[in-house]
């Protein structure tokens, strides 16, 4: 059985955002990249496979 993993990133509903809120979310992402807070696709898939095996 799959459950919600609170460690996963929740995506905001951009259809309900103002332009300013959208711009702020984009800026947060750019700031993360600039600060090196990134994950490779391989790391993401490795974690996904691990979570699936553990039933998360």
PDB file of N, CA and C in Angstrom:
ATOM      1  N   UNK A   1       0.833  -1.178   0.000  1.00  0.00           N
ATOM      2  CA  UNK A   1       0.000   0.000   0.000  1.00  0.00           C
ATOM      3  C   UNK A   1       0.882   1.247   0.000  1.00  0.00           C
ATOM      4  N   UNK A   2       0.595   2.191  -0.852  1.00  0.00           N
ATOM      5  CA  UNK A   2       1.364   3.427  -0.913  1.00  0.00           C
ATOM      6  C   UNK A   2       0.770   4.456   0.040  1.00  0.00           C
ATOM      7  N   UNK A   3       1.642   5.176   0.696  1.00  0.00           N
ATOM      8  CA  UNK A   3       1.201   6.241   1.590  1.00  0.00           C
ATOM      9  C   UNK A   3       1.887   7.531   1.187  1.00  0.00           C
ATOM     10  N   UNK A   4       1.403   8.627   1.709  1.00  0.00           N
ATOM     11  CA  UNK A   4       2.012   9.918   1.427  1.00  0.00           C
ATOM     12  C   UNK A   4       3.293  10.049   2.231  1.00  0.00           C
ATOM     13  N   UNK A   5       4.350  10.455   1.567  1.00  0.00           N
ATOM     14  CA  UNK A   5       5.635  10.653   2.227  1.00  0.00           C
ATOM     15  C   UNK A   5       5.799  12.137   2.522  1.00  0.00           C
ATOM     16  N   UNK A   6       5.803  12.523   3.800  1.00  0.00           N
ATOM     17  CA  UNK A   6       5.913  13.948   4.134  1.00  0.00           C
ATOM     18  C   UNK A   6       7.251  14.563   3.722  1.00  0.00           C
ATOM     19  N   UNK A   7       8.235  13.734   3.397  1.00  0.00           N
ATOM     20  CA  UNK A   7       9.534  14.249   2.967  1.00  0.00           C
ATOM     21  C   UNK A   7       9.515  14.704   1.508  1.00  0.00           C
ATOM     22  N   UNK A   8       8.487  14.304   0.776  1.00  0.00           N
ATOM     23  CA  UNK A   8       8.417  14.682  -0.627  1.00  0.00           C
ATOM     24  C   UNK A   8       7.985  16.138  -0.752  1.00  0.00           C
ATOM     25  N   UNK A   9       8.442  16.742  -1.808  1.00  0.00           N
ATOM     26  CA  UNK A   9       8.089  18.131  -2.072  1.00  0.00           C
ATOM     27  C   UNK A   9       6.659  18.195  -2.567  1.00  0.00           C
ATOM     28  N   UNK A  10       5.879  19.097  -1.996  1.00  0.00           N
ATOM     29  CA  UNK A  10       4.538  19.300  -2.527  1.00  0.00           C
ATOM     30  C   UNK A  10       4.596  20.471  -3.503  1.00  0.00           C
ATOM     31  N   UNK A  11       3.913  20.309  -4.602  1.00  0.00           N
ATOM     32  CA  UNK A  11       3.934  21.344  -5.626  1.00  0.00           C
ATOM     33  C   UNK A  11       2.756  22.290  -5.441  1.00  0.00           C
ATOM     34  N   UNK A  12       3.007  23.567  -5.526  1.00  0.00           N
ATOM     35  CA  UNK A  12       1.911  24.529  -5.386  1.00  0.00           C
ATOM     36  C   UNK A  12       1.011  24.511  -6.616  1.00  0.00           C
ATOM     37  N   UNK A  13      -0.238  24.868  -6.434  1.00  0.00           N
ATOM     38  CA  UNK A  13      -1.194  24.949  -7.544  1.00  0.00           C
ATOM     39  C   UNK A  13      -1.016  26.302  -8.220  1.00  0.00           C
ATOM     40  N   UNK A  14      -0.257  26.313  -9.310  1.00  0.00           N
ATOM     41  CA  UNK A  14       0.073  27.579  -9.962  1.00  0.00           C
ATOM     42  C   UNK A  14      -1.146  28.256 -10.571  1.00  0.00           C
ATOM     43  N   UNK A  15      -2.201  27.497 -10.823  1.00  0.00           N
ATOM     44  CA  UNK A  15      -3.397  28.112 -11.406  1.00  0.00           C
ATOM     45  C   UNK A  15      -4.101  29.040 -10.424  1.00  0.00           C
ATOM     46  N   UNK A  16      -3.778  28.910  -9.134  1.00  0.00           N
ATOM     47  CA  UNK A  16      -4.409  29.745  -8.111  1.00  0.00           C
ATOM     48  C   UNK A  16      -3.472  30.837  -7.589  1.00  0.00           C
ATOM     49  N   UNK A  17      -2.302  30.979  -8.198  1.00  0.00           N
ATOM     50  CA  UNK A  17      -1.309  31.953  -7.740  1.00  0.00           C
ATOM     51  C   UNK A  17      -1.441  33.285  -8.468  1.00  0.00           C
ATOM     52  N   UNK A  18      -1.092  34.326  -7.750  1.00  0.00           N
ATOM     53  CA  UNK A  18      -0.943  35.613  -8.412  1.00  0.00           C
ATOM     54  C   UNK A  18       0.394  35.605  -9.148  1.00  0.00           C
ATOM     55  N   UNK A  19       0.592  36.577 -10.015  1.00  0.00           N
ATOM     56  CA  UNK A  19       1.879  36.683 -10.711  1.00  0.00           C
ATOM     57  C   UNK A  19       3.016  36.838  -9.715  1.00  0.00           C
ATOM     58  N   UNK A  20       2.787  37.597  -8.651  1.00  0.00           N
ATOM     59  CA  UNK A  20       3.831  37.822  -7.642  1.00  0.00           C
ATOM     60  C   UNK A  20       4.164  36.533  -6.899  1.00  0.00           C
ATOM     61  N   UNK A  21       3.143  35.737  -6.559  1.00  0.00           N
ATOM     62  CA  UNK A  21       3.385  34.463  -5.878  1.00  0.00           C
ATOM     63  C   UNK A  21       4.144  33.501  -6.788  1.00  0.00           C
ATOM     64  N   UNK A  22       3.752  33.461  -8.049  1.00  0.00           N
ATOM     65  CA  UNK A  22       4.438  32.602  -9.012  1.00  0.00           C
ATOM     66  C   UNK A  22       5.903  33.010  -9.141  1.00  0.00           C
ATOM     67  N   UNK A  23       6.142  34.307  -9.298  1.00  0.00           N
ATOM     68  CA  UNK A  23       7.518  34.804  -9.414  1.00  0.00           C
ATOM     69  C   UNK A  23       8.340  34.448  -8.180  1.00  0.00           C
ATOM     70  N   UNK A  24       7.727  34.529  -7.000  1.00  0.00           N
ATOM     71  CA  UNK A  24       8.429  34.200  -5.758  1.00  0.00           C
ATOM     72  C   UNK A  24       8.802  32.716  -5.721  1.00  0.00           C
ATOM     73  N   UNK A  25       7.905  31.838  -6.187  1.00  0.00           N
ATOM     74  CA  UNK A  25       8.201  30.400  -6.225  1.00  0.00           C
ATOM     75  C   UNK A  25       9.335  30.100  -7.203  1.00  0.00           C
ATOM     76  N   UNK A  26       9.301  30.748  -8.350  1.00  0.00           N
ATOM     77  CA  UNK A  26      10.381  30.572  -9.321  1.00  0.00           C
ATOM     78  C   UNK A  26      11.701  31.045  -8.728  1.00  0.00           C
ATOM     79  N   UNK A  27      11.680  32.173  -8.040  1.00  0.00           N
ATOM     80  CA  UNK A  27      12.898  32.704  -7.426  1.00  0.00           C
ATOM     81  C   UNK A  27      13.445  31.752  -6.370  1.00  0.00           C
ATOM     82  N   UNK A  28      12.559  31.116  -5.592  1.00  0.00           N
ATOM     83  CA  UNK A  28      13.005  30.133  -4.600  1.00  0.00           C
ATOM     84  C   UNK A  28      13.762  28.993  -5.279  1.00  0.00           C
ATOM     85  N   UNK A  29      13.227  28.529  -6.405  1.00  0.00           N
ATOM     86  CA  UNK A  29      13.897  27.457  -7.140  1.00  0.00           C
ATOM     87  C   UNK A  29      15.249  27.876  -7.677  1.00  0.00           C
ATOM     88  N   UNK A  30      15.305  29.084  -8.220  1.00  0.00           N
ATOM     89  CA  UNK A  30      16.583  29.596  -8.721  1.00  0.00           C
ATOM     90  C   UNK A  30      17.589  29.755  -7.588  1.00  0.00           C
ATOM     91  N   UNK A  31      17.120  30.224  -6.438  1.00  0.00           N
ATOM     92  CA  UNK A  31      18.000  30.363  -5.272  1.00  0.00           C
ATOM     93  C   UNK A  31      18.539  29.007  -4.832  1.00  0.00           C
ATOM     94  N   UNK A  32      17.689  27.973  -4.851  1.00  0.00           N
ATOM     95  CA  UNK A  32      18.127  26.621  -4.490  1.00  0.00           C
ATOM     96  C   UNK A  32      19.229  26.142  -5.428  1.00  0.00           C
ATOM     97  N   UNK A  33      19.045  26.336  -6.716  1.00  0.00           N
ATOM     98  CA  UNK A  33      20.051  25.915  -7.696  1.00  0.00           C
ATOM     99  C   UNK A  33      21.356  26.663  -7.463  1.00  0.00           C
ATOM    100  N   UNK A  34      21.258  27.961  -7.277  1.00  0.00           N
ATOM    101  CA  UNK A  34      22.460  28.776  -7.069  1.00  0.00           C
ATOM    102  C   UNK A  34      23.205  28.374  -5.798  1.00  0.00           C
ATOM    103  N   UNK A  35      22.457  27.942  -4.769  1.00  0.00           N
ATOM    104  CA  UNK A  35      23.076  27.534  -3.499  1.00  0.00           C
ATOM    105  C   UNK A  35      23.519  26.073  -3.516  1.00  0.00           C
ATOM    106  N   UNK A  36      23.285  25.379  -4.633  1.00  0.00           N
ATOM    107  CA  UNK A  36      23.719  23.987  -4.730  1.00  0.00           C
ATOM    108  C   UNK A  36      22.757  22.992  -4.111  1.00  0.00           C
ATOM    109  N   UNK A  37      21.542  23.427  -3.793  1.00  0.00           N
ATOM    110  CA  UNK A  37      20.545  22.519  -3.218  1.00  0.00           C
ATOM    111  C   UNK A  37      19.815  21.824  -4.361  1.00  0.00           C
ATOM    112  N   UNK A  38      20.521  20.867  -4.967  1.00  0.00           N
ATOM    113  CA  UNK A  38      19.990  20.143  -6.117  1.00  0.00           C
ATOM    114  C   UNK A  38      20.159  18.642  -5.907  1.00  0.00           C
ATOM    115  N   UNK A  39      19.450  17.874  -6.703  1.00  0.00           N
ATOM    116  CA  UNK A  39      19.533  16.423  -6.680  1.00  0.00           C
ATOM    117  C   UNK A  39      19.661  15.948  -8.122  1.00  0.00           C
ATOM    118  N   UNK A  40      20.567  15.020  -8.354  1.00  0.00           N
ATOM    119  CA  UNK A  40      20.680  14.464  -9.704  1.00  0.00           C
ATOM    120  C   UNK A  40      19.487  13.548  -9.961  1.00  0.00           C
ATOM    121  N   UNK A  41      19.212  13.318 -11.223  1.00  0.00           N
ATOM    122  CA  UNK A  41      18.115  12.423 -11.582  1.00  0.00           C
ATOM    123  C   UNK A  41      18.396  11.020 -11.056  1.00  0.00           C
ATOM    124  N   UNK A  42      19.660  10.610 -11.054  1.00  0.00           N
ATOM    125  CA  UNK A  42      20.008   9.283 -10.540  1.00  0.00           C
ATOM    126  C   UNK A  42      19.726   9.193  -9.045  1.00  0.00           C
ATOM    127  N   UNK A  43      20.075  10.236  -8.286  1.00  0.00           N
ATOM    128  CA  UNK A  43      19.782  10.239  -6.848  1.00  0.00           C
ATOM    129  C   UNK A  43      18.277  10.189  -6.594  1.00  0.00           C
ATOM    130  N   UNK A  44      17.523  10.908  -7.409  1.00  0.00           N
ATOM    131  CA  UNK A  44      16.078  10.929  -7.254  1.00  0.00           C
ATOM    132  C   UNK A  44      15.493   9.540  -7.504  1.00  0.00           C
ATOM    133  N   UNK A  45      15.923   8.871  -8.582  1.00  0.00           N
ATOM    134  CA  UNK A  45      15.409   7.539  -8.883  1.00  0.00           C
ATOM    135  C   UNK A  45      15.862   6.521  -7.842  1.00  0.00           C
ATOM    136  N   UNK A  46      17.095   6.635  -7.352  1.00  0.00           N
ATOM    137  CA  UNK A  46      17.566   5.736  -6.303  1.00  0.00           C
ATOM    138  C   UNK A  46      16.680   5.858  -5.063  1.00  0.00           C
ATOM    139  N   UNK A  47      16.352   7.077  -4.672  1.00  0.00           N
ATOM    140  CA  UNK A  47      15.501   7.297  -3.500  1.00  0.00           C
ATOM    141  C   UNK A  47      14.086   6.787  -3.766  1.00  0.00           C
ATOM    142  N   UNK A  48      13.579   7.015  -4.963  1.00  0.00           N
ATOM    143  CA  UNK A  48      12.244   6.537  -5.319  1.00  0.00           C
ATOM    144  C   UNK A  48      12.168   5.019  -5.226  1.00  0.00           C
ATOM    145  N   UNK A  49      13.153   4.330  -5.775  1.00  0.00           N
ATOM    146  CA  UNK A  49      13.179   2.858  -5.712  1.00  0.00           C
ATOM    147  C   UNK A  49      13.271   2.382  -4.272  1.00  0.00           C
ATOM    148  N   UNK A  50      14.088   3.046  -3.478  1.00  0.00           N
ATOM    149  CA  UNK A  50      14.227   2.687  -2.059  1.00  0.00           C
ATOM    150  C   UNK A  50      12.899   2.855  -1.335  1.00  0.00           C
ATOM    151  N   UNK A  51      12.227   3.977  -1.566  1.00  0.00           N
ATOM    152  CA  UNK A  51      10.929   4.233  -0.922  1.00  0.00           C
ATOM    153  C   UNK A  51       9.882   3.207  -1.341  1.00  0.00           C
ATOM    154  N   UNK A  52       9.875   2.841  -2.618  1.00  0.00           N
ATOM    155  CA  UNK A  52       8.908   1.851  -3.103  1.00  0.00           C
ATOM    156  C   UNK A  52       9.154   0.504  -2.432  1.00  0.00           C
ATOM    157  N   UNK A  53      10.419   0.103  -2.340  1.00  0.00           N
ATOM    158  CA  UNK A  53      10.755  -1.171  -1.686  1.00  0.00           C
ATOM    159  C   UNK A  53      10.342  -1.168  -0.230  1.00  0.00           C
ATOM    160  N   UNK A  54      10.398  -0.010   0.425  1.00  0.00           N
ATOM    161  CA  UNK A  54      10.038   0.086   1.841  1.00  0.00           C
ATOM    162  C   UNK A  54       8.539   0.343   2.031  1.00  0.00           C
ATOM    163  N   UNK A  55       7.794   0.426   0.932  1.00  0.00           N
ATOM    164  CA  UNK A  55       6.357   0.621   1.025  1.00  0.00           C
ATOM    165  C   UNK A  55       5.950   2.043   1.356  1.00  0.00           C
ATOM    166  N   UNK A  56       6.808   2.992   1.054  1.00  0.00           N
ATOM    167  CA  UNK A  56       6.480   4.402   1.346  1.00  0.00           C
ATOM    168  C   UNK A  56       5.729   5.012   0.199  1.00  0.00           C
TER     169      UNK A  56
END
